[in-house]
């Protein structure tokens, strides 16, 4: 019998040269379409953080949103959204971070994370770590405490963990 991780891995499809030549995109939509696999992935993403007092799960735009909601339900927590600049309707707080070529920004509503709130940051993939590190910085700027990060998969060859040194990081699958 295959392991659960092996079954999940088989549902993530490689798409060559997307969104540009030389990139191998990891398409999670087949996993999301399989009700049992999706539930198993959510259970596994939430389990290490059960009984840790997580009050909010912060989902990173956009595929992180799809995972943050059900992870929050498992943890009996709320959800807050971390979005690209200019996408939220009320007063926001933001952080800017460096990309390979340039900068990007993330924002959350100014009242999204009450001071002292224990937060789990969730996204589909840990790649270079820049976005995840910025999300942690944003949660902390708002007054929250990042208790850990949970990812469906990690592109380990990109060494994103290095930008998250000292943080608890869980990824179901590593490539």
N, C-alpha and C. Protein backbone atom coordinates (compact mmCIF):
# COMPACT_ATOMS: atom_id res chain seq x y z
N UNK A 1 0.84 -1.19 0.00
CA UNK A 1 0.00 0.00 0.00
C UNK A 1 0.88 1.25 0.00
N UNK A 2 0.50 2.25 -0.77
CA UNK A 2 1.26 3.49 -0.86
C UNK A 2 1.06 4.32 0.41
N UNK A 3 2.06 5.11 0.73
CA UNK A 3 1.92 6.03 1.86
C UNK A 3 1.02 7.19 1.44
N UNK A 4 0.49 7.88 2.44
CA UNK A 4 -0.37 9.03 2.15
C UNK A 4 0.38 10.08 1.35
N UNK A 5 1.65 10.35 1.73
CA UNK A 5 2.44 11.35 1.01
C UNK A 5 2.62 10.94 -0.45
N UNK A 6 2.86 9.65 -0.68
CA UNK A 6 3.02 9.14 -2.05
C UNK A 6 1.74 9.36 -2.85
N UNK A 7 0.59 9.10 -2.24
CA UNK A 7 -0.68 9.30 -2.92
C UNK A 7 -0.90 10.77 -3.26
N UNK A 8 -0.58 11.66 -2.32
CA UNK A 8 -0.72 13.10 -2.58
C UNK A 8 0.21 13.53 -3.70
N UNK A 9 1.44 13.06 -3.66
CA UNK A 9 2.42 13.42 -4.69
C UNK A 9 1.92 13.04 -6.08
N UNK A 10 1.27 11.90 -6.20
CA UNK A 10 0.80 11.44 -7.51
C UNK A 10 -0.28 12.35 -8.09
N UNK A 11 -0.91 13.16 -7.24
CA UNK A 11 -1.97 14.06 -7.70
C UNK A 11 -1.47 15.46 -8.04
N UNK A 12 -0.21 15.72 -7.82
CA UNK A 12 0.37 17.01 -8.19
C UNK A 12 1.08 16.83 -9.52
N UNK A 13 0.62 17.58 -10.50
CA UNK A 13 1.10 17.41 -11.88
C UNK A 13 2.13 18.47 -12.25
N UNK A 14 3.21 18.03 -12.87
CA UNK A 14 4.21 18.96 -13.39
C UNK A 14 3.76 19.52 -14.72
N UNK A 15 3.88 20.83 -14.85
CA UNK A 15 3.56 21.50 -16.11
C UNK A 15 4.84 22.21 -16.56
N UNK A 16 5.43 21.71 -17.63
CA UNK A 16 6.69 22.25 -18.15
C UNK A 16 6.49 23.64 -18.75
N UNK A 17 7.48 24.49 -18.52
CA UNK A 17 7.54 25.83 -19.14
C UNK A 17 6.33 26.70 -18.82
N UNK A 18 5.83 26.62 -17.58
CA UNK A 18 4.74 27.48 -17.14
C UNK A 18 5.12 28.11 -15.81
N UNK A 19 4.96 29.40 -15.64
CA UNK A 19 4.38 30.38 -16.55
C UNK A 19 5.35 30.90 -17.62
N UNK A 20 6.62 30.45 -17.52
CA UNK A 20 7.56 30.84 -18.57
C UNK A 20 8.56 29.72 -18.78
N UNK A 21 9.26 29.78 -19.88
CA UNK A 21 10.20 28.74 -20.27
C UNK A 21 11.22 28.48 -19.15
N UNK A 22 11.46 27.20 -18.90
CA UNK A 22 12.43 26.79 -17.89
C UNK A 22 11.84 26.53 -16.51
N UNK A 23 10.58 26.91 -16.30
CA UNK A 23 9.90 26.69 -15.02
C UNK A 23 9.08 25.41 -15.11
N UNK A 24 9.13 24.60 -14.05
CA UNK A 24 8.26 23.43 -13.94
C UNK A 24 7.25 23.76 -12.84
N UNK A 25 6.03 24.08 -13.26
CA UNK A 25 4.96 24.48 -12.35
C UNK A 25 4.34 23.25 -11.71
N UNK A 26 4.11 23.30 -10.41
CA UNK A 26 3.45 22.21 -9.68
C UNK A 26 1.96 22.53 -9.59
N UNK A 27 1.16 21.83 -10.38
CA UNK A 27 -0.28 22.06 -10.45
C UNK A 27 -0.99 21.22 -9.39
N UNK A 28 -1.59 21.90 -8.40
CA UNK A 28 -2.27 21.20 -7.31
C UNK A 28 -3.75 20.96 -7.57
N UNK A 29 -4.27 21.42 -8.71
CA UNK A 29 -5.72 21.30 -8.93
C UNK A 29 -6.21 19.86 -8.95
N UNK A 30 -5.46 18.87 -9.45
CA UNK A 30 -5.96 17.49 -9.35
C UNK A 30 -6.09 17.02 -7.89
N UNK A 31 -5.20 17.44 -7.03
CA UNK A 31 -5.30 17.10 -5.61
C UNK A 31 -6.53 17.76 -5.01
N UNK A 32 -6.76 19.02 -5.33
CA UNK A 32 -7.93 19.73 -4.80
C UNK A 32 -9.23 19.10 -5.26
N UNK A 33 -9.24 18.52 -6.45
CA UNK A 33 -10.44 17.91 -7.02
C UNK A 33 -10.75 16.53 -6.42
N UNK A 34 -9.79 15.94 -5.75
CA UNK A 34 -9.98 14.62 -5.13
C UNK A 34 -10.35 14.86 -3.67
N UNK A 35 -11.62 14.66 -3.34
CA UNK A 35 -12.14 15.01 -2.01
C UNK A 35 -11.34 14.35 -0.88
N UNK A 36 -11.03 13.08 -1.02
CA UNK A 36 -10.32 12.38 0.05
C UNK A 36 -8.87 12.85 0.17
N UNK A 37 -8.22 13.03 -0.95
CA UNK A 37 -6.83 13.51 -0.93
C UNK A 37 -6.75 14.92 -0.36
N UNK A 38 -7.70 15.77 -0.74
CA UNK A 38 -7.73 17.14 -0.24
C UNK A 38 -7.92 17.12 1.28
N UNK A 39 -8.87 16.32 1.76
CA UNK A 39 -9.10 16.21 3.20
C UNK A 39 -7.86 15.68 3.92
N UNK A 40 -7.22 14.68 3.34
CA UNK A 40 -6.00 14.12 3.95
C UNK A 40 -4.90 15.17 4.03
N UNK A 41 -4.73 15.94 2.96
CA UNK A 41 -3.70 16.98 2.95
C UNK A 41 -3.98 18.02 4.03
N UNK A 42 -5.22 18.44 4.15
CA UNK A 42 -5.60 19.44 5.15
C UNK A 42 -5.35 18.89 6.56
N UNK A 43 -5.76 17.65 6.79
CA UNK A 43 -5.53 17.03 8.10
C UNK A 43 -4.04 17.04 8.44
N UNK A 44 -3.22 16.67 7.48
CA UNK A 44 -1.77 16.59 7.71
C UNK A 44 -1.14 17.98 7.89
N UNK A 45 -1.68 18.97 7.20
CA UNK A 45 -1.14 20.33 7.36
C UNK A 45 -1.51 20.91 8.73
N UNK A 46 -2.67 20.54 9.24
CA UNK A 46 -3.14 21.08 10.52
C UNK A 46 -2.58 20.32 11.72
N UNK A 47 -2.41 19.01 11.59
CA UNK A 47 -2.09 18.16 12.74
C UNK A 47 -0.92 18.61 13.61
N UNK A 48 0.21 19.03 13.03
CA UNK A 48 1.33 19.42 13.90
C UNK A 48 1.03 20.64 14.78
N UNK A 49 -0.02 21.37 14.45
CA UNK A 49 -0.32 22.61 15.16
C UNK A 49 -1.59 22.51 16.02
N UNK A 50 -2.17 21.32 16.10
CA UNK A 50 -3.33 21.09 16.95
C UNK A 50 -2.92 21.31 18.41
N UNK A 51 -3.82 21.78 19.20
CA UNK A 51 -3.57 22.00 20.63
C UNK A 51 -2.43 22.97 20.89
N UNK A 52 -2.21 23.89 19.98
CA UNK A 52 -1.15 24.89 20.15
C UNK A 52 -1.74 26.29 20.39
N UNK A 53 -3.07 26.37 20.45
CA UNK A 53 -3.71 27.65 20.70
C UNK A 53 -3.73 28.58 19.51
N UNK A 54 -3.64 28.03 18.31
CA UNK A 54 -3.69 28.86 17.11
C UNK A 54 -5.08 29.51 17.04
N UNK A 55 -5.10 30.83 16.96
CA UNK A 55 -6.37 31.56 16.88
C UNK A 55 -6.69 32.01 15.46
N UNK A 56 -5.66 32.20 14.65
CA UNK A 56 -5.84 32.64 13.26
C UNK A 56 -4.91 31.86 12.34
N UNK A 57 -5.43 31.55 11.17
CA UNK A 57 -4.61 30.98 10.11
C UNK A 57 -4.52 32.05 9.03
N UNK A 58 -3.30 32.44 8.70
CA UNK A 58 -3.07 33.48 7.69
C UNK A 58 -2.76 32.80 6.36
N UNK A 59 -3.67 32.95 5.40
CA UNK A 59 -3.49 32.39 4.07
C UNK A 59 -2.84 33.40 3.16
N UNK A 60 -1.80 32.94 2.44
CA UNK A 60 -1.09 33.82 1.51
C UNK A 60 -1.71 33.69 0.12
N UNK A 61 -1.97 34.83 -0.50
CA UNK A 61 -2.56 34.88 -1.84
C UNK A 61 -1.77 34.05 -2.84
N UNK A 62 -2.38 33.35 -3.70
CA UNK A 62 -3.80 33.06 -3.77
C UNK A 62 -4.11 31.59 -3.45
N UNK A 63 -3.22 30.70 -3.83
CA UNK A 63 -3.51 29.29 -3.56
C UNK A 63 -3.49 28.99 -2.07
N UNK A 64 -2.80 29.79 -1.29
CA UNK A 64 -2.82 29.62 0.16
C UNK A 64 -4.20 29.82 0.74
N UNK A 65 -5.03 30.64 0.08
CA UNK A 65 -6.41 30.84 0.55
C UNK A 65 -7.18 29.52 0.53
N UNK A 66 -6.95 28.71 -0.52
CA UNK A 66 -7.68 27.46 -0.67
C UNK A 66 -7.37 26.47 0.46
N UNK A 67 -6.20 26.59 1.03
CA UNK A 67 -5.76 25.69 2.10
C UNK A 67 -6.02 26.27 3.49
N UNK A 68 -5.92 27.58 3.62
CA UNK A 68 -6.04 28.22 4.93
C UNK A 68 -7.41 28.01 5.56
N UNK A 69 -8.48 28.11 4.79
CA UNK A 69 -9.82 27.95 5.34
C UNK A 69 -10.04 26.59 5.99
N UNK A 70 -9.81 25.51 5.25
CA UNK A 70 -10.02 24.20 5.87
C UNK A 70 -9.02 23.88 6.99
N UNK A 71 -7.78 24.37 6.89
CA UNK A 71 -6.82 24.17 7.98
C UNK A 71 -7.35 24.88 9.23
N UNK A 72 -7.86 26.10 9.05
CA UNK A 72 -8.42 26.85 10.19
C UNK A 72 -9.60 26.10 10.81
N UNK A 73 -10.45 25.52 9.99
CA UNK A 73 -11.57 24.74 10.53
C UNK A 73 -11.06 23.60 11.39
N UNK A 74 -10.04 22.88 10.94
CA UNK A 74 -9.48 21.77 11.72
C UNK A 74 -8.93 22.25 13.05
N UNK A 75 -8.37 23.46 13.05
CA UNK A 75 -7.76 24.01 14.26
C UNK A 75 -8.74 24.83 15.10
N UNK A 76 -9.98 24.91 14.62
CA UNK A 76 -11.00 25.73 15.29
C UNK A 76 -10.51 27.18 15.45
N UNK A 77 -9.96 27.68 14.36
CA UNK A 77 -9.40 29.03 14.32
C UNK A 77 -10.10 29.84 13.23
N UNK A 78 -9.85 31.13 13.25
CA UNK A 78 -10.32 32.00 12.19
C UNK A 78 -9.30 32.08 11.07
N UNK A 79 -9.66 32.81 10.03
CA UNK A 79 -8.78 32.99 8.87
C UNK A 79 -8.56 34.48 8.64
N UNK A 80 -7.34 34.82 8.29
CA UNK A 80 -7.05 36.16 7.82
C UNK A 80 -6.29 36.04 6.50
N UNK A 81 -6.44 37.05 5.67
CA UNK A 81 -5.87 37.01 4.33
C UNK A 81 -4.65 37.92 4.21
N UNK A 82 -3.62 37.39 3.59
CA UNK A 82 -2.43 38.17 3.25
C UNK A 82 -2.43 38.29 1.73
N UNK A 83 -2.54 39.54 1.25
CA UNK A 83 -2.75 39.77 -0.17
C UNK A 83 -1.67 40.67 -0.76
N UNK A 84 -1.65 40.67 -2.08
CA UNK A 84 -0.79 41.60 -2.81
C UNK A 84 -1.32 43.01 -2.57
N UNK A 85 -0.45 43.98 -2.71
CA UNK A 85 -0.80 45.38 -2.46
C UNK A 85 -2.01 45.83 -3.29
N UNK A 86 -2.91 46.55 -2.63
CA UNK A 86 -4.05 47.15 -3.31
C UNK A 86 -5.26 46.25 -3.50
N UNK A 87 -5.28 45.08 -2.89
CA UNK A 87 -6.38 44.13 -3.10
C UNK A 87 -7.39 44.09 -1.96
N UNK A 88 -7.11 44.78 -0.86
CA UNK A 88 -8.01 44.75 0.29
C UNK A 88 -8.77 46.07 0.40
N UNK A 89 -10.05 46.04 0.81
CA UNK A 89 -10.90 47.23 0.74
C UNK A 89 -10.77 48.23 1.89
N UNK A 90 -10.26 47.80 3.02
CA UNK A 90 -10.17 48.72 4.17
C UNK A 90 -8.73 49.11 4.44
N UNK A 91 -8.52 49.85 5.53
CA UNK A 91 -7.17 50.30 5.89
C UNK A 91 -6.26 49.08 6.05
N UNK A 92 -5.06 49.18 5.48
CA UNK A 92 -4.12 48.05 5.49
C UNK A 92 -2.78 48.44 6.12
N UNK A 93 -2.05 47.39 6.46
CA UNK A 93 -0.66 47.51 6.86
C UNK A 93 0.10 46.64 5.88
N UNK A 94 1.27 47.09 5.44
CA UNK A 94 2.01 46.33 4.44
C UNK A 94 3.48 46.18 4.75
N UNK A 95 4.08 45.27 4.02
CA UNK A 95 5.54 45.09 4.05
C UNK A 95 6.00 44.92 2.61
N UNK A 96 7.20 45.39 2.34
CA UNK A 96 7.81 45.25 1.03
C UNK A 96 9.00 44.31 1.18
N UNK A 97 9.19 43.46 0.20
CA UNK A 97 10.28 42.50 0.26
C UNK A 97 10.94 42.38 -1.11
N UNK A 98 12.17 41.90 -1.10
CA UNK A 98 12.95 41.80 -2.33
C UNK A 98 12.65 40.53 -3.09
N UNK A 99 12.59 40.67 -4.39
CA UNK A 99 12.50 39.54 -5.31
C UNK A 99 13.83 39.43 -6.04
N UNK A 100 13.98 38.41 -6.85
CA UNK A 100 15.22 38.25 -7.60
C UNK A 100 15.52 39.50 -8.43
N UNK A 101 14.46 40.03 -9.05
CA UNK A 101 14.60 41.26 -9.84
C UNK A 101 13.51 42.23 -9.43
N UNK A 102 13.75 43.00 -8.39
CA UNK A 102 12.78 44.01 -7.97
C UNK A 102 12.23 43.76 -6.58
N UNK A 103 11.04 44.31 -6.36
CA UNK A 103 10.38 44.22 -5.07
C UNK A 103 8.91 43.86 -5.26
N UNK A 104 8.30 43.40 -4.17
CA UNK A 104 6.86 43.16 -4.13
C UNK A 104 6.38 43.56 -2.75
N UNK A 105 5.07 43.62 -2.58
CA UNK A 105 4.50 44.01 -1.30
C UNK A 105 3.34 43.10 -0.94
N UNK A 106 3.18 42.88 0.35
CA UNK A 106 2.03 42.15 0.89
C UNK A 106 1.32 43.06 1.88
N UNK A 107 0.01 42.87 1.99
CA UNK A 107 -0.79 43.65 2.92
C UNK A 107 -1.80 42.77 3.63
N UNK A 108 -2.24 43.27 4.77
CA UNK A 108 -3.37 42.70 5.51
C UNK A 108 -4.15 43.87 6.06
N UNK A 109 -5.41 43.63 6.41
CA UNK A 109 -6.17 44.69 7.05
C UNK A 109 -5.48 45.07 8.36
N UNK A 110 -5.51 46.35 8.67
CA UNK A 110 -4.82 46.87 9.85
C UNK A 110 -5.31 46.21 11.15
N UNK A 111 -6.55 45.75 11.15
CA UNK A 111 -7.11 45.12 12.36
C UNK A 111 -7.20 43.59 12.24
N UNK A 112 -6.47 43.01 11.30
CA UNK A 112 -6.60 41.58 11.00
C UNK A 112 -6.04 40.65 12.08
N UNK A 113 -5.06 41.12 12.83
CA UNK A 113 -4.40 40.26 13.81
C UNK A 113 -4.30 41.02 15.14
N UNK A 114 -5.21 40.73 16.05
CA UNK A 114 -5.11 41.39 17.36
C UNK A 114 -3.78 41.06 18.05
N UNK A 115 -3.27 42.02 18.81
CA UNK A 115 -1.99 41.85 19.50
C UNK A 115 -1.99 40.57 20.33
N UNK A 116 -0.89 39.83 20.21
CA UNK A 116 -0.71 38.60 20.97
C UNK A 116 -1.36 37.36 20.39
N UNK A 117 -2.05 37.50 19.27
CA UNK A 117 -2.74 36.37 18.65
C UNK A 117 -1.73 35.36 18.09
N UNK A 118 -1.97 34.09 18.37
CA UNK A 118 -1.13 33.02 17.81
C UNK A 118 -1.61 32.71 16.39
N UNK A 119 -0.68 32.79 15.44
CA UNK A 119 -1.01 32.68 14.01
C UNK A 119 -0.20 31.55 13.37
N UNK A 120 -0.87 30.79 12.52
CA UNK A 120 -0.23 29.82 11.65
C UNK A 120 -0.28 30.37 10.24
N UNK A 121 0.85 30.47 9.57
CA UNK A 121 0.92 30.95 8.19
C UNK A 121 0.84 29.73 7.27
N UNK A 122 -0.05 29.81 6.27
CA UNK A 122 -0.30 28.68 5.36
C UNK A 122 -0.18 29.14 3.91
N UNK A 123 0.49 28.28 3.12
CA UNK A 123 0.56 28.50 1.68
C UNK A 123 0.72 27.16 0.99
N UNK A 124 0.58 27.15 -0.31
CA UNK A 124 0.69 25.89 -1.04
C UNK A 124 2.13 25.45 -1.21
N UNK A 125 3.04 26.41 -1.41
CA UNK A 125 4.42 26.03 -1.71
C UNK A 125 5.42 26.96 -1.02
N UNK A 126 6.45 26.37 -0.48
CA UNK A 126 7.61 27.11 0.01
C UNK A 126 8.66 27.01 -1.10
N UNK A 127 8.98 28.14 -1.70
CA UNK A 127 9.97 28.15 -2.79
C UNK A 127 11.21 28.88 -2.28
N UNK A 128 11.41 30.12 -2.66
CA UNK A 128 12.60 30.86 -2.24
C UNK A 128 12.49 31.40 -0.82
N UNK A 129 11.28 31.42 -0.28
CA UNK A 129 11.07 31.85 1.10
C UNK A 129 10.77 33.32 1.27
N UNK A 130 10.93 34.11 0.22
CA UNK A 130 10.71 35.56 0.34
C UNK A 130 9.30 35.94 0.72
N UNK A 131 8.33 35.36 0.07
CA UNK A 131 6.93 35.68 0.36
C UNK A 131 6.55 35.20 1.75
N UNK A 132 6.96 34.00 2.12
CA UNK A 132 6.64 33.47 3.45
C UNK A 132 7.29 34.32 4.54
N UNK A 133 8.54 34.72 4.34
CA UNK A 133 9.22 35.57 5.32
C UNK A 133 8.51 36.91 5.45
N UNK A 134 8.07 37.48 4.33
CA UNK A 134 7.33 38.75 4.37
C UNK A 134 6.00 38.58 5.08
N UNK A 135 5.32 37.45 4.87
CA UNK A 135 4.06 37.19 5.55
C UNK A 135 4.26 37.13 7.06
N UNK A 136 5.33 36.47 7.50
CA UNK A 136 5.65 36.41 8.93
C UNK A 136 5.93 37.80 9.47
N UNK A 137 6.69 38.57 8.72
CA UNK A 137 7.02 39.94 9.13
C UNK A 137 5.73 40.76 9.27
N UNK A 138 4.80 40.59 8.35
CA UNK A 138 3.54 41.32 8.38
C UNK A 138 2.71 40.93 9.60
N UNK A 139 2.59 39.63 9.86
CA UNK A 139 1.84 39.17 11.03
C UNK A 139 2.43 39.78 12.30
N UNK A 140 3.74 39.77 12.40
CA UNK A 140 4.40 40.32 13.59
C UNK A 140 4.27 41.84 13.66
N UNK A 141 4.29 42.50 12.53
CA UNK A 141 4.09 43.96 12.50
C UNK A 141 2.70 44.32 13.03
N UNK A 142 1.74 43.45 12.76
CA UNK A 142 0.37 43.66 13.24
C UNK A 142 0.21 43.29 14.72
N UNK A 143 1.23 42.67 15.31
CA UNK A 143 1.17 42.33 16.73
C UNK A 143 0.96 40.86 17.02
N UNK A 144 0.87 40.04 15.98
CA UNK A 144 0.65 38.61 16.17
C UNK A 144 1.94 37.86 16.43
N UNK A 145 1.78 36.62 16.85
CA UNK A 145 2.91 35.73 17.10
C UNK A 145 2.83 34.57 16.11
N UNK A 146 3.82 34.45 15.23
CA UNK A 146 3.83 33.37 14.25
C UNK A 146 4.28 32.10 14.96
N UNK A 147 3.36 31.15 15.06
CA UNK A 147 3.63 29.89 15.76
C UNK A 147 4.22 28.84 14.84
N UNK A 148 4.11 29.05 13.53
CA UNK A 148 4.67 28.13 12.56
C UNK A 148 4.15 28.42 11.18
N UNK A 149 4.67 27.66 10.22
CA UNK A 149 4.25 27.76 8.82
C UNK A 149 3.97 26.36 8.33
N UNK A 150 2.89 26.22 7.58
CA UNK A 150 2.49 24.92 7.04
C UNK A 150 2.29 25.05 5.54
N UNK A 151 2.97 24.17 4.79
CA UNK A 151 2.92 24.19 3.33
C UNK A 151 2.51 22.82 2.82
N UNK A 152 1.84 22.81 1.69
CA UNK A 152 1.53 21.55 1.03
C UNK A 152 2.82 20.94 0.48
N UNK A 153 3.68 21.78 -0.10
CA UNK A 153 4.92 21.28 -0.68
C UNK A 153 6.03 22.30 -0.54
N UNK A 154 7.25 21.78 -0.63
CA UNK A 154 8.44 22.61 -0.55
C UNK A 154 9.35 22.28 -1.74
N UNK A 155 9.82 23.31 -2.40
CA UNK A 155 10.82 23.15 -3.46
C UNK A 155 12.17 23.33 -2.78
N UNK A 156 12.64 22.26 -2.15
CA UNK A 156 13.81 22.31 -1.26
C UNK A 156 15.06 22.83 -1.97
N UNK A 157 15.18 22.57 -3.25
CA UNK A 157 16.36 23.00 -4.00
C UNK A 157 16.48 24.52 -4.08
N UNK A 158 15.39 25.24 -3.78
CA UNK A 158 15.43 26.70 -3.79
C UNK A 158 15.81 27.28 -2.42
N UNK A 159 15.95 26.44 -1.42
CA UNK A 159 16.47 26.79 -0.10
C UNK A 159 15.69 27.89 0.61
N UNK A 160 14.37 27.86 0.49
CA UNK A 160 13.53 28.86 1.14
C UNK A 160 13.57 28.84 2.65
N UNK A 161 13.88 27.67 3.22
CA UNK A 161 13.97 27.58 4.70
C UNK A 161 15.01 28.54 5.26
N UNK A 162 16.02 28.85 4.49
CA UNK A 162 17.08 29.73 4.96
C UNK A 162 16.54 31.11 5.33
N UNK A 163 15.51 31.58 4.64
CA UNK A 163 14.93 32.89 4.94
C UNK A 163 13.97 32.82 6.12
N UNK A 164 13.70 31.62 6.60
CA UNK A 164 12.77 31.43 7.71
C UNK A 164 13.47 30.80 8.91
N UNK A 165 14.75 31.03 9.01
CA UNK A 165 15.58 30.41 10.04
C UNK A 165 14.98 30.64 11.43
N UNK A 166 14.91 29.58 12.21
CA UNK A 166 14.39 29.66 13.57
C UNK A 166 12.89 29.48 13.68
N UNK A 167 12.20 29.36 12.56
CA UNK A 167 10.74 29.18 12.59
C UNK A 167 10.40 27.71 12.38
N UNK A 168 9.28 27.30 12.95
CA UNK A 168 8.82 25.93 12.73
C UNK A 168 8.14 25.86 11.37
N UNK A 169 8.68 25.01 10.51
CA UNK A 169 8.19 24.86 9.14
C UNK A 169 7.80 23.42 8.91
N UNK A 170 6.60 23.21 8.39
CA UNK A 170 6.15 21.88 8.02
C UNK A 170 5.71 21.91 6.57
N UNK A 171 6.17 20.93 5.81
CA UNK A 171 5.75 20.76 4.41
C UNK A 171 5.45 19.29 4.21
N UNK A 172 4.30 19.00 3.61
CA UNK A 172 3.93 17.60 3.41
C UNK A 172 4.81 16.91 2.40
N UNK A 173 5.16 17.61 1.34
CA UNK A 173 5.94 17.02 0.25
C UNK A 173 7.14 17.89 -0.04
N UNK A 174 8.26 17.26 -0.36
CA UNK A 174 9.45 18.01 -0.73
C UNK A 174 9.89 17.58 -2.12
N UNK A 175 10.28 18.55 -2.92
CA UNK A 175 10.80 18.31 -4.26
C UNK A 175 12.20 18.88 -4.34
